[in-house]
Amino acid sequence: QVQLVESGGGLVQPGGSLRLSCAASGSIFRLGGMGWYRQAPGKERELVATISRGGSTNYADSVKGRFTISRDNAKNTVYLQMNSLTPEDTADYYCNAVVGGSSGFTNYWGQGTQVTVSA
């Protein structure tokens, strides 16, 4: 089994910054692509950013230029640096990882961390 544990959420004022972290642990043979998704109240979960094992990144248009995704393969950890936050970024943020094991690749989700942007 694999666990994804997120941290770094909280309350921040508009224009502020937060850094989210997500550490994967457990039976990890190979850690593939990782990413961040978010779900605002009353809305569907949406992609924020993804990063491949080799470091290729992809961002939602709404966060381009403000958010940066990165990863540390030695620590099985993915990060999301969020700058210039706006109230529209308020949501629960979920970490996602594709993990290779003895039976193939499996998609895992973290429990979510809340980000609130408010004055």
N, C-alpha and C. Protein backbone atom coordinates (compact mmCIF):
# COMPACT_ATOMS: atom_id res chain seq x y z
N GLN A 1 0.84 -1.20 0.00
CA GLN A 1 0.00 0.00 0.00
C GLN A 1 0.87 1.24 0.00
N VAL A 2 0.34 2.31 -0.57
CA VAL A 2 1.06 3.58 -0.69
C VAL A 2 0.24 4.67 -0.02
N GLN A 3 0.92 5.53 0.70
CA GLN A 3 0.26 6.67 1.32
C GLN A 3 0.84 7.96 0.76
N LEU A 4 -0.04 8.92 0.51
CA LEU A 4 0.36 10.26 0.11
C LEU A 4 -0.08 11.22 1.21
N VAL A 5 0.85 11.94 1.79
CA VAL A 5 0.55 12.84 2.89
C VAL A 5 0.88 14.26 2.47
N GLU A 6 -0.15 15.10 2.42
CA GLU A 6 0.01 16.49 2.03
C GLU A 6 0.20 17.37 3.25
N SER A 7 0.86 18.49 3.05
CA SER A 7 1.02 19.48 4.11
C SER A 7 1.23 20.83 3.46
N GLY A 8 1.06 21.88 4.27
CA GLY A 8 1.35 23.22 3.81
C GLY A 8 0.15 24.10 3.53
N GLY A 9 -1.05 23.55 3.62
CA GLY A 9 -2.21 24.38 3.39
C GLY A 9 -2.46 25.33 4.53
N GLY A 10 -3.43 26.23 4.34
CA GLY A 10 -3.75 27.17 5.39
C GLY A 10 -4.47 28.38 4.86
N LEU A 11 -4.52 29.40 5.70
CA LEU A 11 -5.17 30.66 5.37
C LEU A 11 -4.11 31.68 4.96
N VAL A 12 -4.34 32.35 3.85
CA VAL A 12 -3.39 33.34 3.38
C VAL A 12 -4.16 34.51 2.77
N GLN A 13 -3.59 35.68 2.85
CA GLN A 13 -4.24 36.85 2.28
C GLN A 13 -4.03 36.89 0.76
N PRO A 14 -4.92 37.55 0.05
CA PRO A 14 -4.73 37.72 -1.40
C PRO A 14 -3.37 38.33 -1.70
N GLY A 15 -2.71 37.78 -2.72
CA GLY A 15 -1.37 38.21 -3.06
C GLY A 15 -0.27 37.45 -2.35
N GLY A 16 -0.65 36.65 -1.38
CA GLY A 16 0.32 35.90 -0.61
C GLY A 16 0.76 34.62 -1.29
N SER A 17 1.58 33.86 -0.56
CA SER A 17 2.15 32.62 -1.10
C SER A 17 2.00 31.48 -0.11
N LEU A 18 1.95 30.29 -0.65
CA LEU A 18 1.97 29.06 0.14
C LEU A 18 2.76 28.01 -0.63
N ARG A 19 3.34 27.08 0.11
CA ARG A 19 4.03 25.96 -0.52
C ARG A 19 3.44 24.67 0.01
N LEU A 20 2.87 23.89 -0.88
CA LEU A 20 2.33 22.60 -0.52
C LEU A 20 3.38 21.51 -0.76
N SER A 21 3.35 20.50 0.10
CA SER A 21 4.23 19.34 -0.05
C SER A 21 3.39 18.08 0.00
N CYS A 22 3.85 17.06 -0.69
CA CYS A 22 3.17 15.76 -0.67
C CYS A 22 4.24 14.68 -0.72
N ALA A 23 4.30 13.91 0.35
CA ALA A 23 5.30 12.85 0.45
C ALA A 23 4.63 11.49 0.27
N ALA A 24 5.20 10.68 -0.60
CA ALA A 24 4.71 9.33 -0.84
C ALA A 24 5.55 8.34 -0.03
N SER A 25 4.86 7.37 0.56
CA SER A 25 5.56 6.36 1.34
C SER A 25 4.84 5.02 1.17
N GLY A 26 5.53 3.95 1.56
CA GLY A 26 4.93 2.63 1.47
C GLY A 26 5.63 1.77 0.44
N SER A 27 4.86 0.91 -0.19
CA SER A 27 5.41 -0.06 -1.15
C SER A 27 5.55 0.59 -2.52
N ILE A 28 6.63 1.33 -2.68
CA ILE A 28 6.87 2.05 -3.93
C ILE A 28 8.02 1.40 -4.67
N PHE A 29 7.69 0.76 -5.79
CA PHE A 29 8.73 0.20 -6.64
C PHE A 29 9.27 1.28 -7.56
N ARG A 30 8.35 2.06 -8.14
CA ARG A 30 8.75 3.15 -9.02
C ARG A 30 7.68 4.23 -8.96
N LEU A 31 8.09 5.46 -8.72
CA LEU A 31 7.16 6.57 -8.63
C LEU A 31 7.13 7.27 -9.99
N GLY A 32 5.97 7.28 -10.60
CA GLY A 32 5.82 7.89 -11.91
C GLY A 32 5.39 9.34 -11.81
N GLY A 33 4.46 9.72 -12.67
CA GLY A 33 4.00 11.09 -12.67
C GLY A 33 3.30 11.46 -11.37
N MET A 34 3.45 12.72 -11.00
CA MET A 34 2.78 13.24 -9.80
C MET A 34 2.09 14.54 -10.16
N GLY A 35 1.14 14.94 -9.33
CA GLY A 35 0.43 16.16 -9.66
C GLY A 35 -0.41 16.68 -8.52
N TRP A 36 -0.95 17.85 -8.76
CA TRP A 36 -1.84 18.50 -7.82
C TRP A 36 -3.16 18.81 -8.52
N TYR A 37 -4.24 18.54 -7.81
CA TYR A 37 -5.59 18.86 -8.27
C TYR A 37 -6.26 19.65 -7.16
N ARG A 38 -7.33 20.33 -7.50
CA ARG A 38 -8.05 21.07 -6.47
C ARG A 38 -9.55 20.99 -6.72
N GLN A 39 -10.28 21.14 -5.62
CA GLN A 39 -11.73 21.12 -5.70
C GLN A 39 -12.28 22.21 -4.81
N ALA A 40 -12.93 23.17 -5.42
CA ALA A 40 -13.57 24.25 -4.69
C ALA A 40 -14.99 23.83 -4.32
N PRO A 41 -15.56 24.44 -3.29
CA PRO A 41 -16.92 24.09 -2.88
C PRO A 41 -17.90 24.21 -4.04
N GLY A 42 -18.66 23.15 -4.26
CA GLY A 42 -19.67 23.16 -5.31
C GLY A 42 -19.14 22.96 -6.71
N LYS A 43 -17.85 22.70 -6.83
CA LYS A 43 -17.25 22.53 -8.16
C LYS A 43 -16.60 21.15 -8.27
N GLU A 44 -16.32 20.77 -9.51
CA GLU A 44 -15.65 19.50 -9.74
C GLU A 44 -14.14 19.65 -9.51
N ARG A 45 -13.51 18.51 -9.24
CA ARG A 45 -12.07 18.52 -9.07
C ARG A 45 -11.41 18.85 -10.41
N GLU A 46 -10.39 19.70 -10.36
CA GLU A 46 -9.71 20.12 -11.57
C GLU A 46 -8.20 20.00 -11.43
N LEU A 47 -7.56 19.79 -12.57
CA LEU A 47 -6.11 19.71 -12.57
C LEU A 47 -5.50 21.07 -12.31
N VAL A 48 -4.46 21.08 -11.49
CA VAL A 48 -3.69 22.30 -11.24
C VAL A 48 -2.35 22.21 -11.98
N ALA A 49 -1.61 21.14 -11.71
CA ALA A 49 -0.30 20.98 -12.33
C ALA A 49 0.14 19.53 -12.21
N THR A 50 0.91 19.08 -13.19
CA THR A 50 1.49 17.75 -13.13
C THR A 50 2.97 17.81 -13.48
N ILE A 51 3.70 16.79 -13.04
CA ILE A 51 5.12 16.71 -13.33
C ILE A 51 5.49 15.25 -13.54
N SER A 52 6.21 14.99 -14.60
CA SER A 52 6.64 13.63 -14.88
C SER A 52 7.85 13.29 -14.03
N ARG A 53 8.22 12.02 -14.06
CA ARG A 53 9.39 11.61 -13.30
C ARG A 53 10.64 12.34 -13.80
N GLY A 54 10.66 12.63 -15.07
CA GLY A 54 11.81 13.33 -15.64
C GLY A 54 11.77 14.83 -15.48
N GLY A 55 10.65 15.35 -14.96
CA GLY A 55 10.59 16.79 -14.69
C GLY A 55 9.77 17.60 -15.67
N SER A 56 9.14 16.98 -16.65
CA SER A 56 8.28 17.73 -17.56
C SER A 56 7.02 18.16 -16.83
N THR A 57 6.63 19.41 -17.02
CA THR A 57 5.51 19.97 -16.27
C THR A 57 4.36 20.39 -17.17
N ASN A 58 3.20 20.45 -16.55
CA ASN A 58 1.98 20.89 -17.24
C ASN A 58 1.14 21.66 -16.23
N TYR A 59 0.59 22.80 -16.66
CA TYR A 59 -0.17 23.65 -15.75
C TYR A 59 -1.54 23.99 -16.32
N ALA A 60 -2.50 24.17 -15.43
CA ALA A 60 -3.77 24.74 -15.84
C ALA A 60 -3.53 26.20 -16.21
N ASP A 61 -4.28 26.68 -17.19
CA ASP A 61 -4.10 28.06 -17.63
C ASP A 61 -4.28 29.06 -16.49
N SER A 62 -5.16 28.74 -15.56
CA SER A 62 -5.48 29.67 -14.49
C SER A 62 -4.33 29.88 -13.50
N VAL A 63 -3.35 28.98 -13.52
CA VAL A 63 -2.25 29.10 -12.55
C VAL A 63 -0.90 29.34 -13.21
N LYS A 64 -0.86 29.33 -14.53
CA LYS A 64 0.41 29.54 -15.23
C LYS A 64 1.02 30.88 -14.85
N GLY A 65 2.31 30.85 -14.55
CA GLY A 65 3.00 32.06 -14.17
C GLY A 65 2.91 32.39 -12.69
N ARG A 66 2.04 31.69 -11.98
CA ARG A 66 1.90 31.94 -10.53
C ARG A 66 2.30 30.73 -9.69
N PHE A 67 2.02 29.54 -10.20
CA PHE A 67 2.31 28.30 -9.47
C PHE A 67 3.48 27.58 -10.13
N THR A 68 4.27 26.89 -9.30
CA THR A 68 5.38 26.09 -9.81
C THR A 68 5.36 24.73 -9.13
N ILE A 69 5.33 23.68 -9.95
CA ILE A 69 5.38 22.33 -9.42
C ILE A 69 6.81 21.81 -9.55
N SER A 70 7.25 21.07 -8.54
CA SER A 70 8.58 20.48 -8.58
C SER A 70 8.54 19.17 -7.80
N ARG A 71 9.60 18.39 -7.93
CA ARG A 71 9.63 17.13 -7.20
C ARG A 71 11.06 16.78 -6.83
N ASP A 72 11.15 15.97 -5.78
CA ASP A 72 12.43 15.44 -5.32
C ASP A 72 12.28 13.92 -5.35
N ASN A 73 12.83 13.30 -6.37
CA ASN A 73 12.65 11.85 -6.52
C ASN A 73 13.33 11.07 -5.39
N ALA A 74 14.38 11.61 -4.83
CA ALA A 74 15.06 10.92 -3.73
C ALA A 74 14.20 10.87 -2.48
N LYS A 75 13.31 11.85 -2.36
CA LYS A 75 12.43 11.92 -1.18
C LYS A 75 11.00 11.50 -1.51
N ASN A 76 10.74 11.10 -2.76
CA ASN A 76 9.38 10.73 -3.18
C ASN A 76 8.39 11.83 -2.83
N THR A 77 8.77 13.05 -3.10
CA THR A 77 7.97 14.20 -2.69
C THR A 77 7.75 15.15 -3.86
N VAL A 78 6.53 15.68 -3.92
CA VAL A 78 6.20 16.69 -4.91
C VAL A 78 5.78 17.95 -4.18
N TYR A 79 6.11 19.08 -4.77
CA TYR A 79 5.82 20.38 -4.16
C TYR A 79 4.98 21.23 -5.11
N LEU A 80 4.26 22.18 -4.52
CA LEU A 80 3.55 23.16 -5.30
C LEU A 80 3.77 24.52 -4.65
N GLN A 81 4.55 25.35 -5.30
CA GLN A 81 4.76 26.71 -4.83
C GLN A 81 3.69 27.59 -5.46
N MET A 82 2.91 28.23 -4.62
CA MET A 82 1.79 29.05 -5.09
C MET A 82 2.04 30.50 -4.70
N ASN A 83 2.15 31.35 -5.70
CA ASN A 83 2.37 32.77 -5.49
C ASN A 83 1.21 33.57 -6.03
N SER A 84 1.13 34.82 -5.61
CA SER A 84 0.07 35.74 -6.10
C SER A 84 -1.30 35.09 -5.98
N LEU A 85 -1.57 34.53 -4.83
CA LEU A 85 -2.83 33.82 -4.63
C LEU A 85 -4.01 34.78 -4.64
N THR A 86 -5.11 34.30 -5.17
CA THR A 86 -6.35 35.06 -5.22
C THR A 86 -7.46 34.24 -4.55
N PRO A 87 -8.56 34.87 -4.19
CA PRO A 87 -9.67 34.12 -3.57
C PRO A 87 -10.16 32.97 -4.46
N GLU A 88 -9.97 33.09 -5.77
CA GLU A 88 -10.39 32.02 -6.69
C GLU A 88 -9.53 30.76 -6.54
N ASP A 89 -8.42 30.87 -5.86
CA ASP A 89 -7.57 29.70 -5.62
C ASP A 89 -8.01 28.92 -4.37
N THR A 90 -8.98 29.44 -3.66
CA THR A 90 -9.49 28.75 -2.48
C THR A 90 -10.09 27.40 -2.86
N ALA A 91 -9.60 26.34 -2.24
CA ALA A 91 -10.05 24.99 -2.57
C ALA A 91 -9.34 23.99 -1.67
N ASP A 92 -9.81 22.76 -1.74
CA ASP A 92 -9.05 21.64 -1.18
C ASP A 92 -8.10 21.15 -2.27
N TYR A 93 -6.82 21.04 -1.92
CA TYR A 93 -5.81 20.63 -2.88
C TYR A 93 -5.42 19.18 -2.61
N TYR A 94 -5.42 18.39 -3.67
CA TYR A 94 -5.15 16.96 -3.56
C TYR A 94 -3.90 16.59 -4.36
N CYS A 95 -3.08 15.78 -3.74
CA CYS A 95 -1.89 15.25 -4.39
C CYS A 95 -2.27 13.94 -5.10
N ASN A 96 -1.67 13.72 -6.24
CA ASN A 96 -1.90 12.51 -7.02
C ASN A 96 -0.57 11.93 -7.45
N ALA A 97 -0.48 10.61 -7.44
CA ALA A 97 0.76 9.96 -7.88
C ALA A 97 0.46 8.64 -8.53
N VAL A 98 1.21 8.34 -9.57
CA VAL A 98 1.14 7.04 -10.23
C VAL A 98 2.32 6.23 -9.73
N VAL A 99 2.02 5.12 -9.13
CA VAL A 99 3.06 4.32 -8.48
C VAL A 99 3.12 2.93 -9.11
N GLY A 100 4.32 2.53 -9.47
CA GLY A 100 4.54 1.20 -10.00
C GLY A 100 4.86 0.22 -8.89
N GLY A 101 4.17 -0.92 -8.94
CA GLY A 101 4.40 -1.96 -7.97
C GLY A 101 4.50 -3.31 -8.65
N SER A 102 4.37 -4.37 -7.87
CA SER A 102 4.53 -5.72 -8.40
C SER A 102 3.42 -6.09 -9.38
N SER A 103 2.26 -5.44 -9.25
CA SER A 103 1.13 -5.79 -10.10
C SER A 103 0.85 -4.74 -11.17
N GLY A 104 1.76 -3.81 -11.34
CA GLY A 104 1.55 -2.78 -12.35
C GLY A 104 1.50 -1.39 -11.73
N PHE A 105 0.89 -0.45 -12.46
CA PHE A 105 0.83 0.93 -12.00
C PHE A 105 -0.56 1.22 -11.42
N THR A 106 -0.54 1.97 -10.32
CA THR A 106 -1.76 2.33 -9.61
C THR A 106 -1.78 3.82 -9.34
N ASN A 107 -2.96 4.40 -9.44
CA ASN A 107 -3.15 5.83 -9.19
C ASN A 107 -3.55 6.03 -7.73
N TYR A 108 -2.83 6.89 -7.03
CA TYR A 108 -3.13 7.16 -5.62
C TYR A 108 -3.45 8.63 -5.42
N TRP A 109 -4.27 8.88 -4.38
CA TRP A 109 -4.64 10.24 -4.00
C TRP A 109 -4.32 10.48 -2.53
N GLY A 110 -3.95 11.71 -2.23
CA GLY A 110 -3.81 12.11 -0.84
C GLY A 110 -5.16 12.48 -0.25
N GLN A 111 -5.15 12.83 1.02
CA GLN A 111 -6.40 13.13 1.72
C GLN A 111 -6.85 14.58 1.51
N GLY A 112 -5.98 15.39 0.96
CA GLY A 112 -6.33 16.78 0.69
C GLY A 112 -5.85 17.72 1.77
N THR A 113 -5.52 18.94 1.35
CA THR A 113 -5.16 20.00 2.29
C THR A 113 -5.90 21.26 1.85
N GLN A 114 -6.43 21.97 2.82
CA GLN A 114 -7.28 23.11 2.52
C GLN A 114 -6.46 24.38 2.35
N VAL A 115 -6.76 25.11 1.29
CA VAL A 115 -6.15 26.41 1.05
C VAL A 115 -7.27 27.45 0.98
N THR A 116 -7.16 28.44 1.85
CA THR A 116 -8.15 29.52 1.87
C THR A 116 -7.44 30.84 1.65
N VAL A 117 -7.89 31.57 0.63
CA VAL A 117 -7.31 32.87 0.32
C VAL A 117 -8.38 33.92 0.63
N SER A 118 -8.12 34.69 1.67
CA SER A 118 -9.11 35.65 2.12
C SER A 118 -8.44 36.77 2.89
N ALA A 119 -9.04 37.95 2.78
CA ALA A 119 -8.53 39.08 3.55
C ALA A 119 -9.11 39.06 4.97
